Amino acid sequence: MPATRQELFDSAMKLSEGDRLLLATELLDTVADDLPMGSLDDPEFQAELERRAQRARACATSAS
């Protein structure tokens, strides 16, 4: 049975921060041409990534 998105996320959250960053980068590389924004270096996009990362960390902490 294939893993669900939540199962994959839970497994990824067990990785070190460096490995999670590498995984995220590799995943973004698979869709980068299809992203609706101009650049991964865009400050607004970076701010949104940081907000989402903080939310994910908070969820992971509260789930523990």
PDB file of N, CA and C in Angstrom:
ATOM      1  N   MET A   1       0.837  -1.174   0.000  1.00  0.00           N
ATOM      2  CA  MET A   1       0.000   0.000   0.000  1.00  0.00           C
ATOM      3  C   MET A   1       0.889   1.246   0.000  1.00  0.00           C
ATOM      4  N   PRO A   2       0.637   2.188  -0.902  1.00  0.00           N
ATOM      5  CA  PRO A   2       1.445   3.408  -0.935  1.00  0.00           C
ATOM      6  C   PRO A   2       1.235   4.244   0.328  1.00  0.00           C
ATOM      7  N   ALA A   3       2.265   4.939   0.722  1.00  0.00           N
ATOM      8  CA  ALA A   3       2.179   5.803   1.900  1.00  0.00           C
ATOM      9  C   ALA A   3       1.321   7.019   1.573  1.00  0.00           C
ATOM     10  N   THR A   4       0.594   7.490   2.563  1.00  0.00           N
ATOM     11  CA  THR A   4      -0.177   8.711   2.379  1.00  0.00           C
ATOM     12  C   THR A   4       0.747   9.912   2.507  1.00  0.00           C
ATOM     13  N   ARG A   5       0.275  11.055   2.086  1.00  0.00           N
ATOM     14  CA  ARG A   5       1.056  12.279   2.205  1.00  0.00           C
ATOM     15  C   ARG A   5       1.397  12.519   3.660  1.00  0.00           C
ATOM     16  N   GLN A   6       0.454  12.277   4.559  1.00  0.00           N
ATOM     17  CA  GLN A   6       0.706  12.492   5.985  1.00  0.00           C
ATOM     18  C   GLN A   6       1.775  11.531   6.508  1.00  0.00           C
ATOM     19  N   GLU A   7       1.749  10.289   6.070  1.00  0.00           N
ATOM     20  CA  GLU A   7       2.769   9.327   6.485  1.00  0.00           C
ATOM     21  C   GLU A   7       4.158   9.748   5.975  1.00  0.00           C
ATOM     22  N   LEU A   8       4.197  10.226   4.744  1.00  0.00           N
ATOM     23  CA  LEU A   8       5.472  10.711   4.204  1.00  0.00           C
ATOM     24  C   LEU A   8       5.964  11.921   4.991  1.00  0.00           C
ATOM     25  N   PHE A   9       5.048  12.841   5.293  1.00  0.00           N
ATOM     26  CA  PHE A   9       5.415  14.021   6.067  1.00  0.00           C
ATOM     27  C   PHE A   9       5.932  13.613   7.440  1.00  0.00           C
ATOM     28  N   ASP A  10       5.219  12.725   8.109  1.00  0.00           N
ATOM     29  CA  ASP A  10       5.638  12.283   9.441  1.00  0.00           C
ATOM     30  C   ASP A  10       7.027  11.647   9.397  1.00  0.00           C
ATOM     31  N   SER A  11       7.284  10.858   8.373  1.00  0.00           N
ATOM     32  CA  SER A  11       8.602  10.246   8.222  1.00  0.00           C
ATOM     33  C   SER A  11       9.663  11.303   7.957  1.00  0.00           C
ATOM     34  N   ALA A  12       9.329  12.261   7.106  1.00  0.00           N
ATOM     35  CA  ALA A  12      10.283  13.327   6.789  1.00  0.00           C
ATOM     36  C   ALA A  12      10.609  14.155   8.022  1.00  0.00           C
ATOM     37  N   MET A  13       9.637  14.371   8.894  1.00  0.00           N
ATOM     38  CA  MET A  13       9.868  15.176  10.094  1.00  0.00           C
ATOM     39  C   MET A  13      10.813  14.486  11.070  1.00  0.00           C
ATOM     40  N   LYS A  14      11.036  13.210  10.899  1.00  0.00           N
ATOM     41  CA  LYS A  14      11.977  12.480  11.748  1.00  0.00           C
ATOM     42  C   LYS A  14      13.424  12.647  11.259  1.00  0.00           C
ATOM     43  N   LEU A  15      13.587  13.193  10.062  1.00  0.00           N
ATOM     44  CA  LEU A  15      14.918  13.429   9.512  1.00  0.00           C
ATOM     45  C   LEU A  15      15.564  14.624  10.201  1.00  0.00           C
ATOM     46  N   SER A  16      16.865  14.712  10.070  1.00  0.00           N
ATOM     47  CA  SER A  16      17.563  15.884  10.593  1.00  0.00           C
ATOM     48  C   SER A  16      17.126  17.106   9.789  1.00  0.00           C
ATOM     49  N   GLU A  17      17.365  18.284  10.337  1.00  0.00           N
ATOM     50  CA  GLU A  17      16.991  19.515   9.641  1.00  0.00           C
ATOM     51  C   GLU A  17      17.679  19.605   8.277  1.00  0.00           C
ATOM     52  N   GLY A  18      18.931  19.230   8.221  1.00  0.00           N
ATOM     53  CA  GLY A  18      19.664  19.265   6.957  1.00  0.00           C
ATOM     54  C   GLY A  18      19.073  18.323   5.918  1.00  0.00           C
ATOM     55  N   ASP A  19      18.710  17.126   6.361  1.00  0.00           N
ATOM     56  CA  ASP A  19      18.111  16.166   5.435  1.00  0.00           C
ATOM     57  C   ASP A  19      16.729  16.635   4.978  1.00  0.00           C
ATOM     58  N   ARG A  20      15.972  17.265   5.894  1.00  0.00           N
ATOM     59  CA  ARG A  20      14.655  17.796   5.493  1.00  0.00           C
ATOM     60  C   ARG A  20      14.821  18.908   4.468  1.00  0.00           C
ATOM     61  N   LEU A  21      15.816  19.763   4.658  1.00  0.00           N
ATOM     62  CA  LEU A  21      16.071  20.845   3.713  1.00  0.00           C
ATOM     63  C   LEU A  21      16.466  20.275   2.355  1.00  0.00           C
ATOM     64  N   LEU A  22      17.324  19.275   2.364  1.00  0.00           N
ATOM     65  CA  LEU A  22      17.724  18.633   1.113  1.00  0.00           C
ATOM     66  C   LEU A  22      16.519  18.001   0.421  1.00  0.00           C
ATOM     67  N   LEU A  23      15.696  17.299   1.169  1.00  0.00           N
ATOM     68  CA  LEU A  23      14.499  16.678   0.600  1.00  0.00           C
ATOM     69  C   LEU A  23      13.560  17.733   0.025  1.00  0.00           C
ATOM     70  N   ALA A  24      13.346  18.811   0.766  1.00  0.00           N
ATOM     71  CA  ALA A  24      12.471  19.882   0.284  1.00  0.00           C
ATOM     72  C   ALA A  24      13.014  20.494  -0.998  1.00  0.00           C
ATOM     73  N   THR A  25      14.313  20.707  -1.044  1.00  0.00           N
ATOM     74  CA  THR A  25      14.940  21.265  -2.235  1.00  0.00           C
ATOM     75  C   THR A  25      14.774  20.334  -3.426  1.00  0.00           C
ATOM     76  N   GLU A  26      14.981  19.043  -3.193  1.00  0.00           N
ATOM     77  CA  GLU A  26      14.839  18.068  -4.275  1.00  0.00           C
ATOM     78  C   GLU A  26      13.397  18.012  -4.759  1.00  0.00           C
ATOM     79  N   LEU A  27      12.443  18.077  -3.840  1.00  0.00           N
ATOM     80  CA  LEU A  27      11.037  18.076  -4.244  1.00  0.00           C
ATOM     81  C   LEU A  27      10.683  19.338  -5.027  1.00  0.00           C
ATOM     82  N   LEU A  28      11.160  20.494  -4.552  1.00  0.00           N
ATOM     83  CA  LEU A  28      10.895  21.740  -5.276  1.00  0.00           C
ATOM     84  C   LEU A  28      11.493  21.705  -6.682  1.00  0.00           C
ATOM     85  N   ASP A  29      12.657  21.087  -6.806  1.00  0.00           N
ATOM     86  CA  ASP A  29      13.289  20.987  -8.123  1.00  0.00           C
ATOM     87  C   ASP A  29      12.424  20.217  -9.113  1.00  0.00           C
ATOM     88  N   THR A  30      11.583  19.325  -8.627  1.00  0.00           N
ATOM     89  CA  THR A  30      10.744  18.535  -9.532  1.00  0.00           C
ATOM     90  C   THR A  30       9.554  19.328 -10.045  1.00  0.00           C
ATOM     91  N   VAL A  31       9.232  20.445  -9.394  1.00  0.00           N
ATOM     92  CA  VAL A  31       8.072  21.247  -9.808  1.00  0.00           C
ATOM     93  C   VAL A  31       8.430  22.712 -10.048  1.00  0.00           C
ATOM     94  N   ALA A  32       9.692  23.082  -9.930  1.00  0.00           N
ATOM     95  CA  ALA A  32      10.099  24.485  -9.992  1.00  0.00           C
ATOM     96  C   ALA A  32       9.594  25.185 -11.246  1.00  0.00           C
ATOM     97  N   ASP A  33       9.594  24.514 -12.383  1.00  0.00           N
ATOM     98  CA  ASP A  33       9.139  25.153 -13.620  1.00  0.00           C
ATOM     99  C   ASP A  33       7.640  25.407 -13.617  1.00  0.00           C
ATOM    100  N   ASP A  34       6.904  24.690 -12.765  1.00  0.00           N
ATOM    101  CA  ASP A  34       5.456  24.830 -12.722  1.00  0.00           C
ATOM    102  C   ASP A  34       4.973  25.751 -11.615  1.00  0.00           C
ATOM    103  N   LEU A  35       5.906  26.303 -10.823  1.00  0.00           N
ATOM    104  CA  LEU A  35       5.503  27.165  -9.717  1.00  0.00           C
ATOM    105  C   LEU A  35       4.942  28.478 -10.247  1.00  0.00           C
ATOM    106  N   PRO A  36       3.876  28.980  -9.607  1.00  0.00           N
ATOM    107  CA  PRO A  36       3.218  30.187 -10.109  1.00  0.00           C
ATOM    108  C   PRO A  36       3.930  31.489  -9.757  1.00  0.00           C
ATOM    109  N   MET A  37       5.112  31.426  -9.188  1.00  0.00           N
ATOM    110  CA  MET A  37       5.806  32.673  -8.874  1.00  0.00           C
ATOM    111  C   MET A  37       7.044  32.779  -9.743  1.00  0.00           C
ATOM    112  N   GLY A  38       7.694  33.905  -9.656  1.00  0.00           N
ATOM    113  CA  GLY A  38       8.822  34.161 -10.530  1.00  0.00           C
ATOM    114  C   GLY A  38      10.084  33.414 -10.162  1.00  0.00           C
ATOM    115  N   SER A  39      10.449  33.415  -8.868  1.00  0.00           N
ATOM    116  CA  SER A  39      11.747  32.871  -8.482  1.00  0.00           C
ATOM    117  C   SER A  39      11.708  32.332  -7.065  1.00  0.00           C
ATOM    118  N   LEU A  40      12.483  31.301  -6.823  1.00  0.00           N
ATOM    119  CA  LEU A  40      12.604  30.772  -5.470  1.00  0.00           C
ATOM    120  C   LEU A  40      13.323  31.754  -4.561  1.00  0.00           C
ATOM    121  N   ASP A  41      14.035  32.722  -5.149  1.00  0.00           N
ATOM    122  CA  ASP A  41      14.741  33.735  -4.373  1.00  0.00           C
ATOM    123  C   ASP A  41      13.881  34.954  -4.050  1.00  0.00           C
ATOM    124  N   ASP A  42      12.641  34.974  -4.534  1.00  0.00           N
ATOM    125  CA  ASP A  42      11.743  36.094  -4.294  1.00  0.00           C
ATOM    126  C   ASP A  42      11.515  36.270  -2.788  1.00  0.00           C
ATOM    127  N   PRO A  43      11.703  37.479  -2.248  1.00  0.00           N
ATOM    128  CA  PRO A  43      11.549  37.703  -0.804  1.00  0.00           C
ATOM    129  C   PRO A  43      10.167  37.321  -0.271  1.00  0.00           C
ATOM    130  N   GLU A  44       9.127  37.585  -1.037  1.00  0.00           N
ATOM    131  CA  GLU A  44       7.778  37.216  -0.586  1.00  0.00           C
ATOM    132  C   GLU A  44       7.634  35.697  -0.492  1.00  0.00           C
ATOM    133  N   PHE A  45       8.206  34.998  -1.477  1.00  0.00           N
ATOM    134  CA  PHE A  45       8.152  33.543  -1.458  1.00  0.00           C
ATOM    135  C   PHE A  45       8.953  33.000  -0.282  1.00  0.00           C
ATOM    136  N   GLN A  46      10.127  33.569  -0.038  1.00  0.00           N
ATOM    137  CA  GLN A  46      10.954  33.147   1.094  1.00  0.00           C
ATOM    138  C   GLN A  46      10.213  33.366   2.416  1.00  0.00           C
ATOM    139  N   ALA A  47       9.513  34.494   2.541  1.00  0.00           N
ATOM    140  CA  ALA A  47       8.748  34.779   3.758  1.00  0.00           C
ATOM    141  C   ALA A  47       7.631  33.757   3.931  1.00  0.00           C
ATOM    142  N   GLU A  48       6.964  33.401   2.845  1.00  0.00           N
ATOM    143  CA  GLU A  48       5.901  32.397   2.920  1.00  0.00           C
ATOM    144  C   GLU A  48       6.463  31.038   3.308  1.00  0.00           C
ATOM    145  N   LEU A  49       7.600  30.671   2.751  1.00  0.00           N
ATOM    146  CA  LEU A  49       8.242  29.408   3.131  1.00  0.00           C
ATOM    147  C   LEU A  49       8.564  29.394   4.625  1.00  0.00           C
ATOM    148  N   GLU A  50       9.069  30.513   5.127  1.00  0.00           N
ATOM    149  CA  GLU A  50       9.409  30.587   6.550  1.00  0.00           C
ATOM    150  C   GLU A  50       8.156  30.468   7.408  1.00  0.00           C
ATOM    151  N   ARG A  51       7.062  31.139   7.021  1.00  0.00           N
ATOM    152  CA  ARG A  51       5.801  31.015   7.773  1.00  0.00           C
ATOM    153  C   ARG A  51       5.328  29.570   7.805  1.00  0.00           C
ATOM    154  N   ARG A  52       5.388  28.915   6.665  1.00  0.00           N
ATOM    155  CA  ARG A  52       4.930  27.519   6.597  1.00  0.00           C
ATOM    156  C   ARG A  52       5.849  26.597   7.390  1.00  0.00           C
ATOM    157  N   ALA A  53       7.147  26.849   7.341  1.00  0.00           N
ATOM    158  CA  ALA A  53       8.096  26.039   8.106  1.00  0.00           C
ATOM    159  C   ALA A  53       7.845  26.193   9.601  1.00  0.00           C
ATOM    160  N   GLN A  54       7.588  27.426  10.045  1.00  0.00           N
ATOM    161  CA  GLN A  54       7.296  27.659  11.464  1.00  0.00           C
ATOM    162  C   GLN A  54       6.019  26.931  11.871  1.00  0.00           C
ATOM    163  N   ARG A  55       5.007  26.991  11.012  1.00  0.00           N
ATOM    164  CA  ARG A  55       3.742  26.300  11.295  1.00  0.00           C
ATOM    165  C   ARG A  55       3.969  24.791  11.378  1.00  0.00           C
ATOM    166  N   ALA A  56       4.766  24.249  10.445  1.00  0.00           N
ATOM    167  CA  ALA A  56       5.044  22.817  10.443  1.00  0.00           C
ATOM    168  C   ALA A  56       5.809  22.407  11.697  1.00  0.00           C
ATOM    169  N   ARG A  57       6.788  23.240  12.100  1.00  0.00           N
ATOM    170  CA  ARG A  57       7.542  22.935  13.322  1.00  0.00           C
ATOM    171  C   ARG A  57       6.628  22.969  14.532  1.00  0.00           C
ATOM    172  N   ALA A  58       5.727  23.930  14.578  1.00  0.00           N
ATOM    173  CA  ALA A  58       4.804  24.027  15.706  1.00  0.00           C
ATOM    174  C   ALA A  58       3.885  22.809  15.762  1.00  0.00           C
ATOM    175  N   CYS A  59       3.412  22.380  14.618  1.00  0.00           N
ATOM    176  CA  CYS A  59       2.543  21.188  14.573  1.00  0.00           C
ATOM    177  C   CYS A  59       3.319  19.935  14.996  1.00  0.00           C
ATOM    178  N   ALA A  60       4.553  19.829  14.534  1.00  0.00           N
ATOM    179  CA  ALA A  60       5.368  18.657  14.875  1.00  0.00           C
ATOM    180  C   ALA A  60       5.660  18.649  16.372  1.00  0.00           C
ATOM    181  N   THR A  61       5.894  19.806  16.947  1.00  0.00           N
ATOM    182  CA  THR A  61       6.196  19.906  18.382  1.00  0.00           C
ATOM    183  C   THR A  61       4.973  19.551  19.205  1.00  0.00           C
ATOM    184  N   SER A  62       3.813  20.051  18.802  1.00  0.00           N
ATOM    185  CA  SER A  62       2.593  19.796  19.577  1.00  0.00           C
ATOM    186  C   SER A  62       2.125  18.350  19.421  1.00  0.00           C
ATOM    187  N   ALA A  63       2.501  17.698  18.329  1.00  0.00           N
ATOM    188  CA  ALA A  63       2.101  16.302  18.100  1.00  0.00           C
ATOM    189  C   ALA A  63       2.958  15.343  18.912  1.00  0.00           C
ATOM    190  N   SER A  64       4.108  15.799  19.388  1.00  0.00           N
ATOM    191  CA  SER A  64       5.033  14.925  20.127  1.00  0.00           C
ATOM    192  C   SER A  64       4.574  14.683  21.531  1.00  0.00           C
TER     193      SER A  64
END
